[in-house]
Amino acid sequence: MEFLETSVVVVHVLVCLALVVLVLLQQGKGAEAGASFGGGASQTVFGSQGSGSFLTQSTKWLAVIFFATSMSLAYIAKEQADLSAVAATSLAPLLSEDGVPAVVDDAVLELESTNAADEAPELE
């Protein structure tokens, strides 16, 4: 499960970076960052429609992947929270009121009673 979570996080971060780059490359209504990256000259590379259609489609699919990985990470986090809650409730009977394991409390009480018996003054 840990490998799956790590791979989803890596894909999520890469998609986030790609989305930022694609949004900056798209043409806006004024002077934009797309022109500084060669947005005007790239229209000949992408055909007569220009780069708008390609960049728009790429952004759309990256957004879909971004939402899918976001939902996957939320599901993984929920499952981990549920598992830790189950573990906490299953261990609750083993703990005393102050949060110390009951086994330790029993061992300390037994040790104290043994020490008290050893140190008890002898009555004559």
PDB file of N, CA and C in Angstrom:
ATOM      1  N   MET A   1       0.828  -1.192   0.000  1.00  0.00           N
ATOM      2  CA  MET A   1       0.000   0.000   0.000  1.00  0.00           C
ATOM      3  C   MET A   1       0.874   1.258   0.000  1.00  0.00           C
ATOM      4  N   GLU A   2       2.030   1.150   0.649  1.00  0.00           N
ATOM      5  CA  GLU A   2       2.913   2.316   0.712  1.00  0.00           C
ATOM      6  C   GLU A   2       3.476   2.652  -0.665  1.00  0.00           C
ATOM      7  N   PHE A   3       3.794   1.629  -1.469  1.00  0.00           N
ATOM      8  CA  PHE A   3       4.291   1.861  -2.826  1.00  0.00           C
ATOM      9  C   PHE A   3       3.229   2.552  -3.680  1.00  0.00           C
ATOM     10  N   LEU A   4       1.988   2.130  -3.529  1.00  0.00           N
ATOM     11  CA  LEU A   4       0.888   2.738  -4.280  1.00  0.00           C
ATOM     12  C   LEU A   4       0.729   4.207  -3.910  1.00  0.00           C
ATOM     13  N   GLU A   5       0.777   4.496  -2.628  1.00  0.00           N
ATOM     14  CA  GLU A   5       0.640   5.877  -2.177  1.00  0.00           C
ATOM     15  C   GLU A   5       1.787   6.738  -2.706  1.00  0.00           C
ATOM     16  N   THR A   6       2.991   6.225  -2.652  1.00  0.00           N
ATOM     17  CA  THR A   6       4.152   6.978  -3.139  1.00  0.00           C
ATOM     18  C   THR A   6       4.047   7.238  -4.632  1.00  0.00           C
ATOM     19  N   SER A   7       3.634   6.245  -5.384  1.00  0.00           N
ATOM     20  CA  SER A   7       3.516   6.441  -6.836  1.00  0.00           C
ATOM     21  C   SER A   7       2.408   7.432  -7.180  1.00  0.00           C
ATOM     22  N   VAL A   8       1.306   7.412  -6.447  1.00  0.00           N
ATOM     23  CA  VAL A   8       0.223   8.379  -6.706  1.00  0.00           C
ATOM     24  C   VAL A   8       0.693   9.790  -6.373  1.00  0.00           C
ATOM     25  N   VAL A   9       1.458   9.950  -5.305  1.00  0.00           N
ATOM     26  CA  VAL A   9       1.981  11.277  -4.945  1.00  0.00           C
ATOM     27  C   VAL A   9       2.944  11.783  -6.015  1.00  0.00           C
ATOM     28  N   VAL A  10       3.805  10.908  -6.533  1.00  0.00           N
ATOM     29  CA  VAL A  10       4.748  11.318  -7.578  1.00  0.00           C
ATOM     30  C   VAL A  10       4.001  11.747  -8.831  1.00  0.00           C
ATOM     31  N   VAL A  11       3.023  10.974  -9.255  1.00  0.00           N
ATOM     32  CA  VAL A  11       2.223  11.336 -10.432  1.00  0.00           C
ATOM     33  C   VAL A  11       1.489  12.660 -10.188  1.00  0.00           C
ATOM     34  N   HIS A  12       0.969  12.830  -8.991  1.00  0.00           N
ATOM     35  CA  HIS A  12       0.229  14.048  -8.644  1.00  0.00           C
ATOM     36  C   HIS A  12       1.134  15.286  -8.751  1.00  0.00           C
ATOM     37  N   VAL A  13       2.337  15.198  -8.232  1.00  0.00           N
ATOM     38  CA  VAL A  13       3.258  16.337  -8.283  1.00  0.00           C
ATOM     39  C   VAL A  13       3.669  16.630  -9.716  1.00  0.00           C
ATOM     40  N   LEU A  14       3.953  15.595 -10.507  1.00  0.00           N
ATOM     41  CA  LEU A  14       4.329  15.817 -11.909  1.00  0.00           C
ATOM     42  C   LEU A  14       3.194  16.448 -12.701  1.00  0.00           C
ATOM     43  N   VAL A  15       1.974  16.003 -12.453  1.00  0.00           N
ATOM     44  CA  VAL A  15       0.820  16.585 -13.147  1.00  0.00           C
ATOM     45  C   VAL A  15       0.627  18.040 -12.729  1.00  0.00           C
ATOM     46  N   CYS A  16       0.836  18.339 -11.450  1.00  0.00           N
ATOM     47  CA  CYS A  16       0.719  19.729 -10.985  1.00  0.00           C
ATOM     48  C   CYS A  16       1.711  20.633 -11.708  1.00  0.00           C
ATOM     49  N   LEU A  17       2.950  20.179 -11.813  1.00  0.00           N
ATOM     50  CA  LEU A  17       3.963  20.982 -12.505  1.00  0.00           C
ATOM     51  C   LEU A  17       3.619  21.154 -13.985  1.00  0.00           C
ATOM     52  N   ALA A  18       3.169  20.085 -14.622  1.00  0.00           N
ATOM     53  CA  ALA A  18       2.794  20.173 -16.038  1.00  0.00           C
ATOM     54  C   ALA A  18       1.614  21.111 -16.246  1.00  0.00           C
ATOM     55  N   LEU A  19       0.660  21.084 -15.333  1.00  0.00           N
ATOM     56  CA  LEU A  19      -0.489  22.004 -15.441  1.00  0.00           C
ATOM     57  C   LEU A  19      -0.050  23.461 -15.335  1.00  0.00           C
ATOM     58  N   VAL A  20       0.857  23.741 -14.425  1.00  0.00           N
ATOM     59  CA  VAL A  20       1.352  25.114 -14.286  1.00  0.00           C
ATOM     60  C   VAL A  20       2.020  25.571 -15.580  1.00  0.00           C
ATOM     61  N   VAL A  21       2.859  24.716 -16.154  1.00  0.00           N
ATOM     62  CA  VAL A  21       3.553  25.071 -17.389  1.00  0.00           C
ATOM     63  C   VAL A  21       2.556  25.267 -18.529  1.00  0.00           C
ATOM     64  N   LEU A  22       1.591  24.372 -18.662  1.00  0.00           N
ATOM     65  CA  LEU A  22       0.615  24.496 -19.750  1.00  0.00           C
ATOM     66  C   LEU A  22      -0.253  25.742 -19.619  1.00  0.00           C
ATOM     67  N   VAL A  23      -0.628  26.071 -18.420  1.00  0.00           N
ATOM     68  CA  VAL A  23      -1.448  27.275 -18.234  1.00  0.00           C
ATOM     69  C   VAL A  23      -0.641  28.521 -18.584  1.00  0.00           C
ATOM     70  N   LEU A  24       0.630  28.529 -18.225  1.00  0.00           N
ATOM     71  CA  LEU A  24       1.468  29.681 -18.573  1.00  0.00           C
ATOM     72  C   LEU A  24       1.726  29.786 -20.069  1.00  0.00           C
ATOM     73  N   LEU A  25       1.731  28.668 -20.776  1.00  0.00           N
ATOM     74  CA  LEU A  25       1.990  28.692 -22.215  1.00  0.00           C
ATOM     75  C   LEU A  25       0.787  29.130 -23.044  1.00  0.00           C
ATOM     76  N   GLN A  26      -0.392  29.036 -22.495  1.00  0.00           N
ATOM     77  CA  GLN A  26      -1.580  29.360 -23.279  1.00  0.00           C
ATOM     78  C   GLN A  26      -1.701  30.862 -23.490  1.00  0.00           C
ATOM     79  N   GLN A  27      -2.274  31.211 -24.635  1.00  0.00           N
ATOM     80  CA  GLN A  27      -2.421  32.621 -24.987  1.00  0.00           C
ATOM     81  C   GLN A  27      -3.578  33.232 -24.219  1.00  0.00           C
ATOM     82  N   GLY A  28      -3.319  34.409 -23.706  1.00  0.00           N
ATOM     83  CA  GLY A  28      -4.358  35.143 -22.992  1.00  0.00           C
ATOM     84  C   GLY A  28      -4.827  36.317 -23.824  1.00  0.00           C
ATOM     85  N   LYS A  29      -5.499  37.276 -23.196  1.00  0.00           N
ATOM     86  CA  LYS A  29      -6.011  38.433 -23.918  1.00  0.00           C
ATOM     87  C   LYS A  29      -5.000  39.561 -24.016  1.00  0.00           C
ATOM     88  N   GLY A  30      -3.973  39.533 -23.200  1.00  0.00           N
ATOM     89  CA  GLY A  30      -2.960  40.584 -23.229  1.00  0.00           C
ATOM     90  C   GLY A  30      -1.584  39.980 -23.371  1.00  0.00           C
ATOM     91  N   ALA A  31      -0.596  40.706 -22.892  1.00  0.00           N
ATOM     92  CA  ALA A  31       0.765  40.162 -22.906  1.00  0.00           C
ATOM     93  C   ALA A  31       0.845  39.080 -21.837  1.00  0.00           C
ATOM     94  N   GLU A  32       1.249  37.887 -22.258  1.00  0.00           N
ATOM     95  CA  GLU A  32       1.266  36.758 -21.336  1.00  0.00           C
ATOM     96  C   GLU A  32       2.604  36.044 -21.397  1.00  0.00           C
ATOM     97  N   ALA A  33       2.775  35.104 -20.511  1.00  0.00           N
ATOM     98  CA  ALA A  33       4.027  34.357 -20.449  1.00  0.00           C
ATOM     99  C   ALA A  33       4.181  33.434 -21.648  1.00  0.00           C
ATOM    100  N   GLY A  34       3.084  33.065 -22.293  1.00  0.00           N
ATOM    101  CA  GLY A  34       3.157  32.184 -23.459  1.00  0.00           C
ATOM    102  C   GLY A  34       3.965  32.797 -24.585  1.00  0.00           C
ATOM    103  N   ALA A  35       3.882  34.103 -24.759  1.00  0.00           N
ATOM    104  CA  ALA A  35       4.638  34.766 -25.808  1.00  0.00           C
ATOM    105  C   ALA A  35       6.129  34.746 -25.510  1.00  0.00           C
ATOM    106  N   SER A  36       6.477  34.833 -24.248  1.00  0.00           N
ATOM    107  CA  SER A  36       7.897  34.816 -23.900  1.00  0.00           C
ATOM    108  C   SER A  36       8.507  33.434 -24.082  1.00  0.00           C
ATOM    109  N   PHE A  37       7.689  32.391 -24.076  1.00  0.00           N
ATOM    110  CA  PHE A  37       8.186  31.029 -24.306  1.00  0.00           C
ATOM    111  C   PHE A  37       8.085  30.638 -25.779  1.00  0.00           C
ATOM    112  N   GLY A  38       7.759  31.569 -26.633  1.00  0.00           N
ATOM    113  CA  GLY A  38       7.668  31.263 -28.051  1.00  0.00           C
ATOM    114  C   GLY A  38       6.272  30.869 -28.476  1.00  0.00           C
ATOM    115  N   GLY A  39       5.258  31.356 -27.798  1.00  0.00           N
ATOM    116  CA  GLY A  39       3.881  31.000 -28.108  1.00  0.00           C
ATOM    117  C   GLY A  39       3.455  31.444 -29.488  1.00  0.00           C
ATOM    118  N   GLY A  40       3.941  32.569 -29.948  1.00  0.00           N
ATOM    119  CA  GLY A  40       3.546  33.055 -31.265  1.00  0.00           C
ATOM    120  C   GLY A  40       4.155  32.237 -32.382  1.00  0.00           C
ATOM    121  N   ALA A  41       5.376  31.826 -32.250  1.00  0.00           N
ATOM    122  CA  ALA A  41       6.053  31.060 -33.290  1.00  0.00           C
ATOM    123  C   ALA A  41       5.607  29.610 -33.304  1.00  0.00           C
ATOM    124  N   SER A  42       5.006  29.137 -32.223  1.00  0.00           N
ATOM    125  CA  SER A  42       4.648  27.718 -32.164  1.00  0.00           C
ATOM    126  C   SER A  42       3.374  27.407 -32.943  1.00  0.00           C
ATOM    127  N   GLN A  43       2.676  28.426 -33.447  1.00  0.00           N
ATOM    128  CA  GLN A  43       1.446  28.153 -34.191  1.00  0.00           C
ATOM    129  C   GLN A  43       1.738  27.424 -35.495  1.00  0.00           C
ATOM    130  N   THR A  44       2.906  27.640 -36.076  1.00  0.00           N
ATOM    131  CA  THR A  44       3.229  26.934 -37.309  1.00  0.00           C
ATOM    132  C   THR A  44       3.541  25.460 -37.031  1.00  0.00           C
ATOM    133  N   VAL A  45       4.016  25.129 -35.870  1.00  0.00           N
ATOM    134  CA  VAL A  45       4.338  23.750 -35.530  1.00  0.00           C
ATOM    135  C   VAL A  45       3.063  22.932 -35.334  1.00  0.00           C
ATOM    136  N   PHE A  46       2.025  23.526 -34.717  1.00  0.00           N
ATOM    137  CA  PHE A  46       0.811  22.801 -34.377  1.00  0.00           C
ATOM    138  C   PHE A  46      -0.246  22.831 -35.485  1.00  0.00           C
ATOM    139  N   GLY A  47       0.047  23.418 -36.623  1.00  0.00           N
ATOM    140  CA  GLY A  47      -0.898  23.404 -37.730  1.00  0.00           C
ATOM    141  C   GLY A  47      -1.647  24.722 -37.857  1.00  0.00           C
ATOM    142  N   SER A  48      -2.679  24.695 -38.714  1.00  0.00           N
ATOM    143  CA  SER A  48      -3.402  25.930 -39.015  1.00  0.00           C
ATOM    144  C   SER A  48      -4.254  26.407 -37.852  1.00  0.00           C
ATOM    145  N   GLN A  49      -4.685  25.495 -36.967  1.00  0.00           N
ATOM    146  CA  GLN A  49      -5.492  25.902 -35.817  1.00  0.00           C
ATOM    147  C   GLN A  49      -4.643  26.533 -34.726  1.00  0.00           C
ATOM    148  N   GLY A  50      -3.350  26.353 -34.801  1.00  0.00           N
ATOM    149  CA  GLY A  50      -2.476  26.929 -33.793  1.00  0.00           C
ATOM    150  C   GLY A  50      -2.328  26.000 -32.603  1.00  0.00           C
ATOM    151  N   SER A  51      -1.685  26.513 -31.568  1.00  0.00           N
ATOM    152  CA  SER A  51      -1.408  25.695 -30.392  1.00  0.00           C
ATOM    153  C   SER A  51      -2.575  25.671 -29.418  1.00  0.00           C
ATOM    154  N   GLY A  52      -3.570  26.510 -29.626  1.00  0.00           N
ATOM    155  CA  GLY A  52      -4.690  26.605 -28.692  1.00  0.00           C
ATOM    156  C   GLY A  52      -5.403  25.285 -28.474  1.00  0.00           C
ATOM    157  N   SER A  53      -5.705  24.592 -29.551  1.00  0.00           N
ATOM    158  CA  SER A  53      -6.439  23.332 -29.435  1.00  0.00           C
ATOM    159  C   SER A  53      -5.592  22.273 -28.723  1.00  0.00           C
ATOM    160  N   PHE A  54      -4.314  22.156 -29.091  1.00  0.00           N
ATOM    161  CA  PHE A  54      -3.436  21.171 -28.471  1.00  0.00           C
ATOM    162  C   PHE A  54      -3.235  21.478 -26.987  1.00  0.00           C
ATOM    163  N   LEU A  55      -2.935  22.723 -26.665  1.00  0.00           N
ATOM    164  CA  LEU A  55      -2.713  23.101 -25.268  1.00  0.00           C
ATOM    165  C   LEU A  55      -3.987  22.965 -24.450  1.00  0.00           C
ATOM    166  N   THR A  56      -5.119  23.284 -25.031  1.00  0.00           N
ATOM    167  CA  THR A  56      -6.387  23.160 -24.324  1.00  0.00           C
ATOM    168  C   THR A  56      -6.706  21.705 -24.021  1.00  0.00           C
ATOM    169  N   GLN A  57      -6.518  20.842 -25.017  1.00  0.00           N
ATOM    170  CA  GLN A  57      -6.772  19.416 -24.815  1.00  0.00           C
ATOM    171  C   GLN A  57      -5.809  18.823 -23.788  1.00  0.00           C
ATOM    172  N   SER A  58      -4.554  19.210 -23.867  1.00  0.00           N
ATOM    173  CA  SER A  58      -3.567  18.718 -22.900  1.00  0.00           C
ATOM    174  C   SER A  58      -3.919  19.166 -21.486  1.00  0.00           C
ATOM    175  N   THR A  59      -4.323  20.423 -21.356  1.00  0.00           N
ATOM    176  CA  THR A  59      -4.700  20.947 -20.040  1.00  0.00           C
ATOM    177  C   THR A  59      -5.920  20.220 -19.503  1.00  0.00           C
ATOM    178  N   LYS A  60      -6.865  19.931 -20.378  1.00  0.00           N
ATOM    179  CA  LYS A  60      -8.075  19.238 -19.950  1.00  0.00           C
ATOM    180  C   LYS A  60      -7.742  17.853 -19.400  1.00  0.00           C
ATOM    181  N   TRP A  61      -6.915  17.105 -20.112  1.00  0.00           N
ATOM    182  CA  TRP A  61      -6.600  15.742 -19.672  1.00  0.00           C
ATOM    183  C   TRP A  61      -5.717  15.738 -18.430  1.00  0.00           C
ATOM    184  N   LEU A  62      -4.824  16.689 -18.331  1.00  0.00           N
ATOM    185  CA  LEU A  62      -4.021  16.791 -17.116  1.00  0.00           C
ATOM    186  C   LEU A  62      -4.884  17.166 -15.917  1.00  0.00           C
ATOM    187  N   ALA A  63      -5.894  17.993 -16.135  1.00  0.00           N
ATOM    188  CA  ALA A  63      -6.816  18.347 -15.048  1.00  0.00           C
ATOM    189  C   ALA A  63      -7.605  17.121 -14.591  1.00  0.00           C
ATOM    190  N   VAL A  64      -8.013  16.286 -15.546  1.00  0.00           N
ATOM    191  CA  VAL A  64      -8.733  15.053 -15.192  1.00  0.00           C
ATOM    192  C   VAL A  64      -7.835  14.142 -14.358  1.00  0.00           C
ATOM    193  N   ILE A  65      -6.583  14.000 -14.769  1.00  0.00           N
ATOM    194  CA  ILE A  65      -5.636  13.174 -14.009  1.00  0.00           C
ATOM    195  C   ILE A  65      -5.386  13.780 -12.634  1.00  0.00           C
ATOM    196  N   PHE A  66      -5.284  15.118 -12.565  1.00  0.00           N
ATOM    197  CA  PHE A  66      -5.080  15.804 -11.288  1.00  0.00           C
ATOM    198  C   PHE A  66      -6.226  15.504 -10.320  1.00  0.00           C
ATOM    199  N   PHE A  67      -7.450  15.596 -10.791  1.00  0.00           N
ATOM    200  CA  PHE A  67      -8.597  15.314  -9.915  1.00  0.00           C
ATOM    201  C   PHE A  67      -8.639  13.836  -9.515  1.00  0.00           C
ATOM    202  N   ALA A  68      -8.285  12.950 -10.436  1.00  0.00           N
ATOM    203  CA  ALA A  68      -8.274  11.522 -10.108  1.00  0.00           C
ATOM    204  C   ALA A  68      -7.230  11.212  -9.034  1.00  0.00           C
ATOM    205  N   THR A  69      -6.033  11.785  -9.167  1.00  0.00           N
ATOM    206  CA  THR A  69      -5.015  11.540  -8.150  1.00  0.00           C
ATOM    207  C   THR A  69      -5.380  12.205  -6.828  1.00  0.00           C
ATOM    208  N   SER A  70      -6.039  13.350  -6.878  1.00  0.00           N
ATOM    209  CA  SER A  70      -6.487  14.007  -5.641  1.00  0.00           C
ATOM    210  C   SER A  70      -7.494  13.135  -4.898  1.00  0.00           C
ATOM    211  N   MET A  71      -8.442  12.576  -5.630  1.00  0.00           N
ATOM    212  CA  MET A  71      -9.438  11.702  -5.003  1.00  0.00           C
ATOM    213  C   MET A  71      -8.782  10.420  -4.488  1.00  0.00           C
ATOM    214  N   SER A  72      -7.811   9.899  -5.217  1.00  0.00           N
ATOM    215  CA  SER A  72      -7.105   8.701  -4.768  1.00  0.00           C
ATOM    216  C   SER A  72      -6.344   8.962  -3.478  1.00  0.00           C
ATOM    217  N   LEU A  73      -5.670  10.100  -3.389  1.00  0.00           N
ATOM    218  CA  LEU A  73      -4.938  10.435  -2.173  1.00  0.00           C
ATOM    219  C   LEU A  73      -5.876  10.649  -0.994  1.00  0.00           C
ATOM    220  N   ALA A  74      -7.036  11.232  -1.247  1.00  0.00           N
ATOM    221  CA  ALA A  74      -8.016  11.406  -0.176  1.00  0.00           C
ATOM    222  C   ALA A  74      -8.532  10.051   0.309  1.00  0.00           C
ATOM    223  N   TYR A  75      -8.766   9.124  -0.607  1.00  0.00           N
ATOM    224  CA  TYR A  75      -9.221   7.787  -0.233  1.00  0.00           C
ATOM    225  C   TYR A  75      -8.158   7.049   0.571  1.00  0.00           C
ATOM    226  N   ILE A  76      -6.900   7.152   0.136  1.00  0.00           N
ATOM    227  CA  ILE A  76      -5.805   6.492   0.851  1.00  0.00           C
ATOM    228  C   ILE A  76      -5.677   7.064   2.262  1.00  0.00           C
ATOM    229  N   ALA A  77      -5.781   8.378   2.391  1.00  0.00           N
ATOM    230  CA  ALA A  77      -5.687   9.007   3.718  1.00  0.00           C
ATOM    231  C   ALA A  77      -6.835   8.565   4.616  1.00  0.00           C
ATOM    232  N   LYS A  78      -8.031   8.424   4.052  1.00  0.00           N
ATOM    233  CA  LYS A  78      -9.184   7.979   4.842  1.00  0.00           C
ATOM    234  C   LYS A  78      -8.990   6.546   5.319  1.00  0.00           C
ATOM    235  N   GLU A  79      -8.492   5.685   4.445  1.00  0.00           N
ATOM    236  CA  GLU A  79      -8.257   4.295   4.823  1.00  0.00           C
ATOM    237  C   GLU A  79      -7.202   4.189   5.920  1.00  0.00           C
ATOM    238  N   GLN A  80      -6.158   4.990   5.832  1.00  0.00           N
ATOM    239  CA  GLN A  80      -5.129   4.971   6.869  1.00  0.00           C
ATOM    240  C   GLN A  80      -5.676   5.482   8.193  1.00  0.00           C
ATOM    241  N   ALA A  81      -6.537   6.497   8.151  1.00  0.00           N
ATOM    242  CA  ALA A  81      -7.142   7.014   9.374  1.00  0.00           C
ATOM    243  C   ALA A  81      -8.066   5.969   9.993  1.00  0.00           C
ATOM    244  N   ASP A  82      -8.804   5.247   9.161  1.00  0.00           N
ATOM    245  CA  ASP A  82      -9.690   4.196   9.672  1.00  0.00           C
ATOM    246  C   ASP A  82      -8.887   3.070  10.310  1.00  0.00           C
ATOM    247  N   LEU A  83      -7.766   2.703   9.686  1.00  0.00           N
ATOM    248  CA  LEU A  83      -6.933   1.639  10.241  1.00  0.00           C
ATOM    249  C   LEU A  83      -6.327   2.047  11.581  1.00  0.00           C
ATOM    250  N   SER A  84      -5.903   3.295  11.689  1.00  0.00           N
ATOM    251  CA  SER A  84      -5.325   3.727  12.962  1.00  0.00           C
ATOM    252  C   SER A  84      -6.397   3.827  14.039  1.00  0.00           C
ATOM    253  N   ALA A  85      -7.619   4.185  13.659  1.00  0.00           N
ATOM    254  CA  ALA A  85      -8.708   4.236  14.638  1.00  0.00           C
ATOM    255  C   ALA A  85      -9.055   2.835  15.131  1.00  0.00           C
ATOM    256  N   VAL A  86      -9.056   1.862  14.220  1.00  0.00           N
ATOM    257  CA  VAL A  86      -9.329   0.476  14.610  1.00  0.00           C
ATOM    258  C   VAL A  86      -8.229  -0.035  15.530  1.00  0.00           C
ATOM    259  N   ALA A  87      -6.988   0.299  15.205  1.00  0.00           N
ATOM    260  CA  ALA A  87      -5.878  -0.143  16.048  1.00  0.00           C
ATOM    261  C   ALA A  87      -5.965   0.485  17.430  1.00  0.00           C
ATOM    262  N   ALA A  88      -6.351   1.738  17.499  1.00  0.00           N
ATOM    263  CA  ALA A  88      -6.457   2.422  18.791  1.00  0.00           C
ATOM    264  C   ALA A  88      -7.582   1.829  19.641  1.00  0.00           C
ATOM    265  N   THR A  89      -8.713   1.505  19.018  1.00  0.00           N
ATOM    266  CA  THR A  89      -9.822   0.937  19.790  1.00  0.00           C
ATOM    267  C   THR A  89      -9.549  -0.503  20.187  1.00  0.00           C
ATOM    268  N   SER A  90      -8.791  -1.235  19.379  1.00  0.00           N
ATOM    269  CA  SER A  90      -8.502  -2.620  19.747  1.00  0.00           C
ATOM    270  C   SER A  90      -7.452  -2.692  20.854  1.00  0.00           C
ATOM    271  N   LEU A  91      -6.623  -1.660  20.983  1.00  0.00           N
ATOM    272  CA  LEU A  91      -5.622  -1.629  22.042  1.00  0.00           C
ATOM    273  C   LEU A  91      -6.142  -0.984  23.323  1.00  0.00           C
ATOM    274  N   ALA A  92      -7.291  -0.334  23.269  1.00  0.00           N
ATOM    275  CA  ALA A  92      -7.815   0.385  24.429  1.00  0.00           C
ATOM    276  C   ALA A  92      -7.999  -0.497  25.660  1.00  0.00           C
ATOM    277  N   PRO A  93      -8.494  -1.740  25.543  1.00  0.00           N
ATOM    278  CA  PRO A  93      -8.641  -2.563  26.751  1.00  0.00           C
ATOM    279  C   PRO A  93      -7.308  -2.914  27.409  1.00  0.00           C
ATOM    280  N   LEU A  94      -6.220  -2.850  26.662  1.00  0.00           N
ATOM    281  CA  LEU A  94      -4.918  -3.184  27.222  1.00  0.00           C
ATOM    282  C   LEU A  94      -4.289  -2.013  27.973  1.00  0.00           C
ATOM    283  N   LEU A  95      -4.876  -0.828  27.855  1.00  0.00           N
ATOM    284  CA  LEU A  95      -4.311   0.352  28.486  1.00  0.00           C
ATOM    285  C   LEU A  95      -5.058   0.679  29.765  1.00  0.00           C
ATOM    286  N   SER A  96      -4.337   1.182  30.745  1.00  0.00           N
ATOM    287  CA  SER A  96      -4.983   1.630  31.981  1.00  0.00           C
ATOM    288  C   SER A  96      -5.477   3.053  31.776  1.00  0.00           C
ATOM    289  N   GLU A  97      -5.990   3.655  32.825  1.00  0.00           N
ATOM    290  CA  GLU A  97      -6.591   4.982  32.706  1.00  0.00           C
ATOM    291  C   GLU A  97      -5.585   6.054  32.312  1.00  0.00           C
ATOM    292  N   ASP A  98      -4.329   5.911  32.766  1.00  0.00           N
ATOM    293  CA  ASP A  98      -3.337   6.933  32.455  1.00  0.00           C
ATOM    294  C   ASP A  98      -2.609   6.683  31.133  1.00  0.00           C
ATOM    295  N   GLY A  99      -3.008   5.677  30.372  1.00  0.00           N
ATOM    296  CA  GLY A  99      -2.428   5.409  29.070  1.00  0.00           C
ATOM    297  C   GLY A  99      -1.253   4.462  29.103  1.00  0.00           C
ATOM    298  N   VAL A 100      -0.862   4.016  30.280  1.00  0.00           N
ATOM    299  CA  VAL A 100       0.239   3.053  30.400  1.00  0.00           C
ATOM    300  C   VAL A 100      -0.334   1.664  30.160  1.00  0.00           C
ATOM    301  N   PRO A 101       0.357   0.830  29.424  1.00  0.00           N
ATOM    302  CA  PRO A 101      -0.160  -0.526  29.204  1.00  0.00           C
ATOM    303  C   PRO A 101      -0.439  -1.239  30.520  1.00  0.00           C
ATOM    304  N   ALA A 102      -1.558  -1.924  30.588  1.00  0.00           N
ATOM    305  CA  ALA A 102      -1.987  -2.592  31.808  1.00  0.00           C
ATOM    306  C   ALA A 102      -0.998  -3.672  32.225  1.00  0.00           C
ATOM    307  N   VAL A 103      -0.328  -4.293  31.287  1.00  0.00           N
ATOM    308  CA  VAL A 103       0.652  -5.332  31.603  1.00  0.00           C
ATOM    309  C   VAL A 103       1.791  -4.723  32.414  1.00  0.00           C
ATOM    310  N   VAL A 104       2.204  -3.511  32.035  1.00  0.00           N
ATOM    311  CA  VAL A 104       3.272  -2.835  32.767  1.00  0.00           C
ATOM    312  C   VAL A 104       2.803  -2.503  34.172  1.00  0.00           C
ATOM    313  N   ASP A 105       1.555  -2.022  34.313  1.00  0.00           N
ATOM    314  CA  ASP A 105       1.011  -1.706  35.635  1.00  0.00           C
ATOM    315  C   ASP A 105       1.005  -2.945  36.523  1.00  0.00           C
ATOM    316  N   ASP A 106       0.592  -4.085  35.988  1.00  0.00           N
ATOM    317  CA  ASP A 106       0.558  -5.320  36.776  1.00  0.00           C
ATOM    318  C   ASP A 106       1.964  -5.731  37.212  1.00  0.00           C
ATOM    319  N   ALA A 107       2.928  -5.611  36.306  1.00  0.00           N
ATOM    320  CA  ALA A 107       4.300  -5.981  36.634  1.00  0.00           C
ATOM    321  C   ALA A 107       4.874  -5.062  37.705  1.00  0.00           C
ATOM    322  N   VAL A 108       4.559  -3.771  37.630  1.00  0.00           N
ATOM    323  CA  VAL A 108       5.045  -2.819  38.633  1.00  0.00           C
ATOM    324  C   VAL A 108       4.417  -3.121  39.978  1.00  0.00           C
ATOM    325  N   LEU A 109       3.124  -3.404  40.007  1.00  0.00           N
ATOM    326  CA  LEU A 109       2.461  -3.725  41.271  1.00  0.00           C
ATOM    327  C   LEU A 109       3.043  -4.989  41.889  1.00  0.00           C
ATOM    328  N   GLU A 110       3.309  -5.980  41.052  1.00  0.00           N
ATOM    329  CA  GLU A 110       3.886  -7.219  41.573  1.00  0.00           C
ATOM    330  C   GLU A 110       5.284  -6.976  42.128  1.00  0.00           C
ATOM    331  N   LEU A 111       6.075  -6.174  41.423  1.00  0.00           N
ATOM    332  CA  LEU A 111       7.422  -5.860  41.877  1.00  0.00           C
ATOM    333  C   LEU A 111       7.390  -5.066  43.181  1.00  0.00           C
ATOM    334  N   GLU A 112       6.469  -4.098  43.259  1.00  0.00           N
ATOM    335  CA  GLU A 112       6.349  -3.303  44.481  1.00  0.00           C
ATOM    336  C   GLU A 112       5.928  -4.168  45.655  1.00  0.00           C
ATOM    337  N   SER A 113       5.014  -5.099  45.428  1.00  0.00           N
ATOM    338  CA  SER A 113       4.574  -5.956  46.533  1.00  0.00           C
ATOM    339  C   SER A 113       5.701  -6.889  46.970  1.00  0.00           C
ATOM    340  N   THR A 114       6.526  -7.353  46.035  1.00  0.00           N
ATOM    341  CA  THR A 114       7.662  -8.192  46.379  1.00  0.00           C
ATOM    342  C   THR A 114       8.695  -7.400  47.170  1.00  0.00           C
ATOM    343  N   ASN A 115       8.972  -6.168  46.733  1.00  0.00           N
ATOM    344  CA  ASN A 115       9.923  -5.310  47.440  1.00  0.00           C
ATOM    345  C   ASN A 115       9.414  -4.941  48.821  1.00  0.00           C
ATOM    346  N   ALA A 116       8.125  -4.687  48.934  1.00  0.00           N
ATOM    347  CA  ALA A 116       7.541  -4.319  50.227  1.00  0.00           C
ATOM    348  C   ALA A 116       7.643  -5.488  51.191  1.00  0.00           C
ATOM    349  N   ALA A 117       7.464  -6.704  50.708  1.00  0.00           N
ATOM    350  CA  ALA A 117       7.559  -7.875  51.575  1.00  0.00           C
ATOM    351  C   ALA A 117       8.985  -8.092  52.035  1.00  0.00           C
ATOM    352  N   ASP A 118       9.947  -7.811  51.160  1.00  0.00           N
ATOM    353  CA  ASP A 118      11.347  -7.957  51.504  1.00  0.00           C
ATOM    354  C   ASP A 118      11.802  -6.930  52.530  1.00  0.00           C
ATOM    355  N   GLU A 119      11.252  -5.717  52.414  1.00  0.00           N
ATOM    356  CA  GLU A 119      11.679  -4.632  53.279  1.00  0.00           C
ATOM    357  C   GLU A 119      10.856  -4.550  54.570  1.00  0.00           C
ATOM    358  N   ALA A 120       9.879  -5.368  54.714  1.00  0.00           N
ATOM    359  CA  ALA A 120       9.026  -5.294  55.899  1.00  0.00           C
ATOM    360  C   ALA A 120       9.847  -5.642  57.131  1.00  0.00           C
ATOM    361  N   PRO A 121       9.672  -4.882  58.194  1.00  0.00           N
ATOM    362  CA  PRO A 121      10.425  -5.172  59.421  1.00  0.00           C
ATOM    363  C   PRO A 121       9.939  -6.471  60.052  1.00  0.00           C
ATOM    364  N   GLU A 122      10.864  -7.156  60.602  1.00  0.00           N
ATOM    365  CA  GLU A 122      10.519  -8.414  61.249  1.00  0.00           C
ATOM    366  C   GLU A 122       9.922  -8.129  62.610  1.00  0.00           C
ATOM    367  N   LEU A 123       8.840  -8.747  62.893  1.00  0.00           N
ATOM    368  CA  LEU A 123       8.192  -8.593  64.196  1.00  0.00           C
ATOM    369  C   LEU A 123       8.694  -9.676  65.122  1.00  0.00           C
ATOM    370  N   GLU A 124       9.011  -9.338  66.351  1.00  0.00           N
ATOM    371  CA  GLU A 124       9.522 -10.312  67.311  1.00  0.00           C
ATOM    372  C   GLU A 124       8.494 -10.684  68.321  1.00  0.00           C
TER     373      GLU A 124
END
